[in-house]
Amino acid sequence: MTPEIMRQIEASLAARDVERWVMFVRDPATGAYAGFTEVFWRPNVPDRMGQGDTGVVEAYRNRGIGRWLKAAMLKKIAEERPQVKYVRTGNAASNEPMLKINHELGFKLHKTFMVWQVERSKVEEFLQKHAD
C-alpha cells in the first residue's frame, strides 16, 4: 500500500458517497505502527455500518490490540452515528483469532458464502482438453 494508492481509494469512496473511518494504533514507546481497523458508512443506508479490515502487525499480536481496536470503533459508531443499528463484517472461516474477537464482541452469524479459487494454468489445461 502506498500513499498514492490510498489517495485513489479515498477518492473512489468519496465519489460513491462512502464515508470511511479508520483507527490506527502505534506503540507508545517506539511510535511503530501496530494495527488498524476500518468501517464504511453510506448515507443512503444510514442504519448500517460495514466493518472492513482489522489488522495487527505480527510483532504486536496476542495482546488484545485487534479486540481493543474493534471495540473502540464500535464505541465511536455508537456515539457518533446513533442511527446505526447493524454493523456487518466478514470473516474467513479459517481466521480463528478474528472469529473469536467477533464472537466476544457480540457479532452473530448472518449469512455464509463460499469462494472458490483455481490456478489459471489449470483452467487453460481444462480448456485445451475440452476444446472440441
Protein backbone atom coordinates (compact mmCIF):
# COMPACT_ATOMS: atom_id res chain seq x y z
CA MET A 1 0.00 0.00 0.00
CA THR A 2 1.37 3.36 -0.98
CA PRO A 3 0.12 6.87 -0.18
CA GLU A 4 -0.87 7.24 -3.85
CA ILE A 5 -2.97 4.06 -3.80
CA MET A 6 -4.55 5.16 -0.52
CA ARG A 7 -5.50 8.51 -2.05
CA GLN A 8 -7.04 6.72 -5.04
CA ILE A 9 -9.09 4.50 -2.72
CA GLU A 10 -10.27 7.50 -0.71
CA ALA A 11 -11.22 9.40 -3.89
CA SER A 12 -13.14 6.38 -5.19
CA LEU A 13 -15.05 6.04 -1.91
CA ALA A 14 -15.86 9.76 -1.83
CA ALA A 15 -17.12 9.62 -5.43
CA ARG A 16 -19.54 6.87 -4.37
CA ASP A 17 -20.62 8.82 -1.26
CA VAL A 18 -19.00 6.29 1.08
CA GLU A 19 -17.55 7.55 4.34
CA ARG A 20 -14.55 5.61 5.68
CA TRP A 21 -13.39 5.77 9.26
CA VAL A 22 -10.00 4.32 10.21
CA MET A 23 -8.38 3.91 13.60
CA PHE A 24 -4.67 3.24 13.91
CA VAL A 25 -2.66 2.30 16.96
CA ARG A 26 1.04 2.89 17.48
CA ASP A 27 3.47 1.58 20.05
CA PRO A 28 3.80 4.43 22.58
CA ALA A 29 7.43 3.53 23.30
CA THR A 30 8.65 3.46 19.69
CA GLY A 31 5.95 5.11 17.60
CA ALA A 32 5.86 1.98 15.43
CA TYR A 33 2.61 1.22 13.66
CA ALA A 34 0.91 -1.72 15.41
CA GLY A 35 -2.56 -2.10 13.87
CA PHE A 36 -5.73 -0.60 12.41
CA THR A 37 -9.43 -1.12 11.86
CA GLU A 38 -11.78 0.46 9.32
CA VAL A 39 -15.51 0.87 8.80
CA PHE A 40 -17.64 2.20 5.94
CA TRP A 41 -20.93 4.13 6.06
CA ARG A 42 -23.31 5.23 3.33
CA PRO A 43 -25.87 7.94 3.96
CA ASN A 44 -28.40 6.12 1.76
CA VAL A 45 -28.28 3.17 4.22
CA PRO A 46 -27.95 5.09 7.49
CA ASP A 47 -28.77 2.21 9.83
CA ARG A 48 -25.82 0.05 8.69
CA MET A 49 -22.07 0.30 9.01
CA GLY A 50 -19.75 -2.08 7.22
CA GLN A 51 -16.72 -3.32 9.12
CA GLY A 52 -13.74 -3.54 6.78
CA ASP A 53 -10.32 -4.86 7.62
CA THR A 54 -8.77 -5.09 11.05
CA GLY A 55 -5.10 -5.97 11.19
CA VAL A 56 -2.36 -6.14 13.75
CA VAL A 57 1.34 -6.26 12.87
CA GLU A 58 2.71 -9.69 13.74
CA ALA A 59 5.08 -8.39 16.44
CA TYR A 60 2.07 -6.94 18.32
CA ARG A 61 -0.34 -9.87 18.07
CA ASN A 62 -1.81 -11.77 21.04
CA ARG A 63 -2.03 -8.63 23.18
CA GLY A 64 -5.71 -7.85 22.60
CA ILE A 65 -4.98 -4.97 20.20
CA GLY A 66 -7.38 -6.20 17.49
CA ARG A 67 -10.16 -6.61 20.06
CA TRP A 68 -9.43 -3.19 21.54
CA LEU A 69 -9.44 -1.53 18.10
CA LYS A 70 -12.75 -3.06 17.08
CA ALA A 71 -14.33 -2.25 20.45
CA ALA A 72 -13.09 1.36 20.27
CA MET A 73 -14.55 1.68 16.76
CA LEU A 74 -17.89 0.24 17.90
CA LYS A 75 -17.94 2.80 20.71
CA LYS A 76 -17.23 5.61 18.21
CA ILE A 77 -20.05 4.37 15.97
CA ALA A 78 -22.50 4.28 18.92
CA GLU A 79 -21.53 7.82 19.94
CA GLU A 80 -21.28 9.47 16.53
CA ARG A 81 -23.77 7.50 14.42
CA PRO A 82 -26.58 6.57 16.85
CA GLN A 83 -28.84 5.70 13.90
CA VAL A 84 -26.60 2.70 13.07
CA LYS A 85 -28.39 -0.45 14.21
CA TYR A 86 -26.25 -3.04 12.44
CA VAL A 87 -22.53 -3.42 11.91
CA ARG A 88 -21.74 -6.08 9.33
CA THR A 89 -18.40 -7.76 8.96
CA GLY A 90 -16.96 -10.66 7.01
CA ASN A 91 -14.58 -13.35 8.08
CA ALA A 92 -12.74 -16.28 6.60
CA ALA A 93 -13.73 -19.43 8.49
CA SER A 94 -10.01 -20.14 8.86
CA ASN A 95 -9.31 -16.86 10.69
CA GLU A 96 -9.90 -18.16 14.20
CA PRO A 97 -8.39 -15.17 16.05
CA MET A 98 -10.80 -12.74 14.36
CA LEU A 99 -13.73 -15.11 14.69
CA LYS A 100 -13.01 -15.21 18.44
CA ILE A 101 -12.88 -11.41 18.64
CA ASN A 102 -16.12 -11.03 16.68
CA HIS A 103 -17.87 -13.59 18.88
CA GLU A 104 -16.63 -11.89 22.06
CA LEU A 105 -17.87 -8.51 20.78
CA GLY A 106 -21.33 -9.96 20.16
CA PHE A 107 -21.35 -10.40 16.38
CA LYS A 108 -23.73 -13.14 15.23
CA LEU A 109 -23.62 -15.19 12.04
CA HIS A 110 -25.86 -13.55 9.44
CA LYS A 111 -25.05 -15.46 6.26
CA THR A 112 -22.33 -17.61 4.78
CA PHE A 113 -20.89 -17.96 1.32
CA MET A 114 -18.13 -19.91 -0.30
CA VAL A 115 -15.41 -18.54 -2.55
CA TRP A 116 -13.65 -20.87 -4.97
CA GLN A 117 -10.26 -20.30 -6.49
CA VAL A 118 -8.40 -22.01 -9.32
CA GLU A 119 -4.97 -21.52 -10.84
CA ARG A 120 -5.08 -20.07 -14.34
CA SER A 121 -2.88 -22.89 -15.65
CA LYS A 122 -5.49 -25.45 -14.52
CA VAL A 123 -8.21 -23.58 -16.43
CA GLU A 124 -6.06 -23.45 -19.55
CA GLU A 125 -5.30 -27.16 -19.22
CA PHE A 126 -9.01 -27.97 -18.88
CA LEU A 127 -9.91 -25.82 -21.88
CA GLN A 128 -7.23 -27.49 -24.01
CA LYS A 129 -8.60 -30.95 -23.15
CA HIS A 130 -12.18 -29.93 -23.88
CA ALA A 131 -11.65 -27.67 -26.90
CA ASP A 132 -13.87 -29.71 -29.22
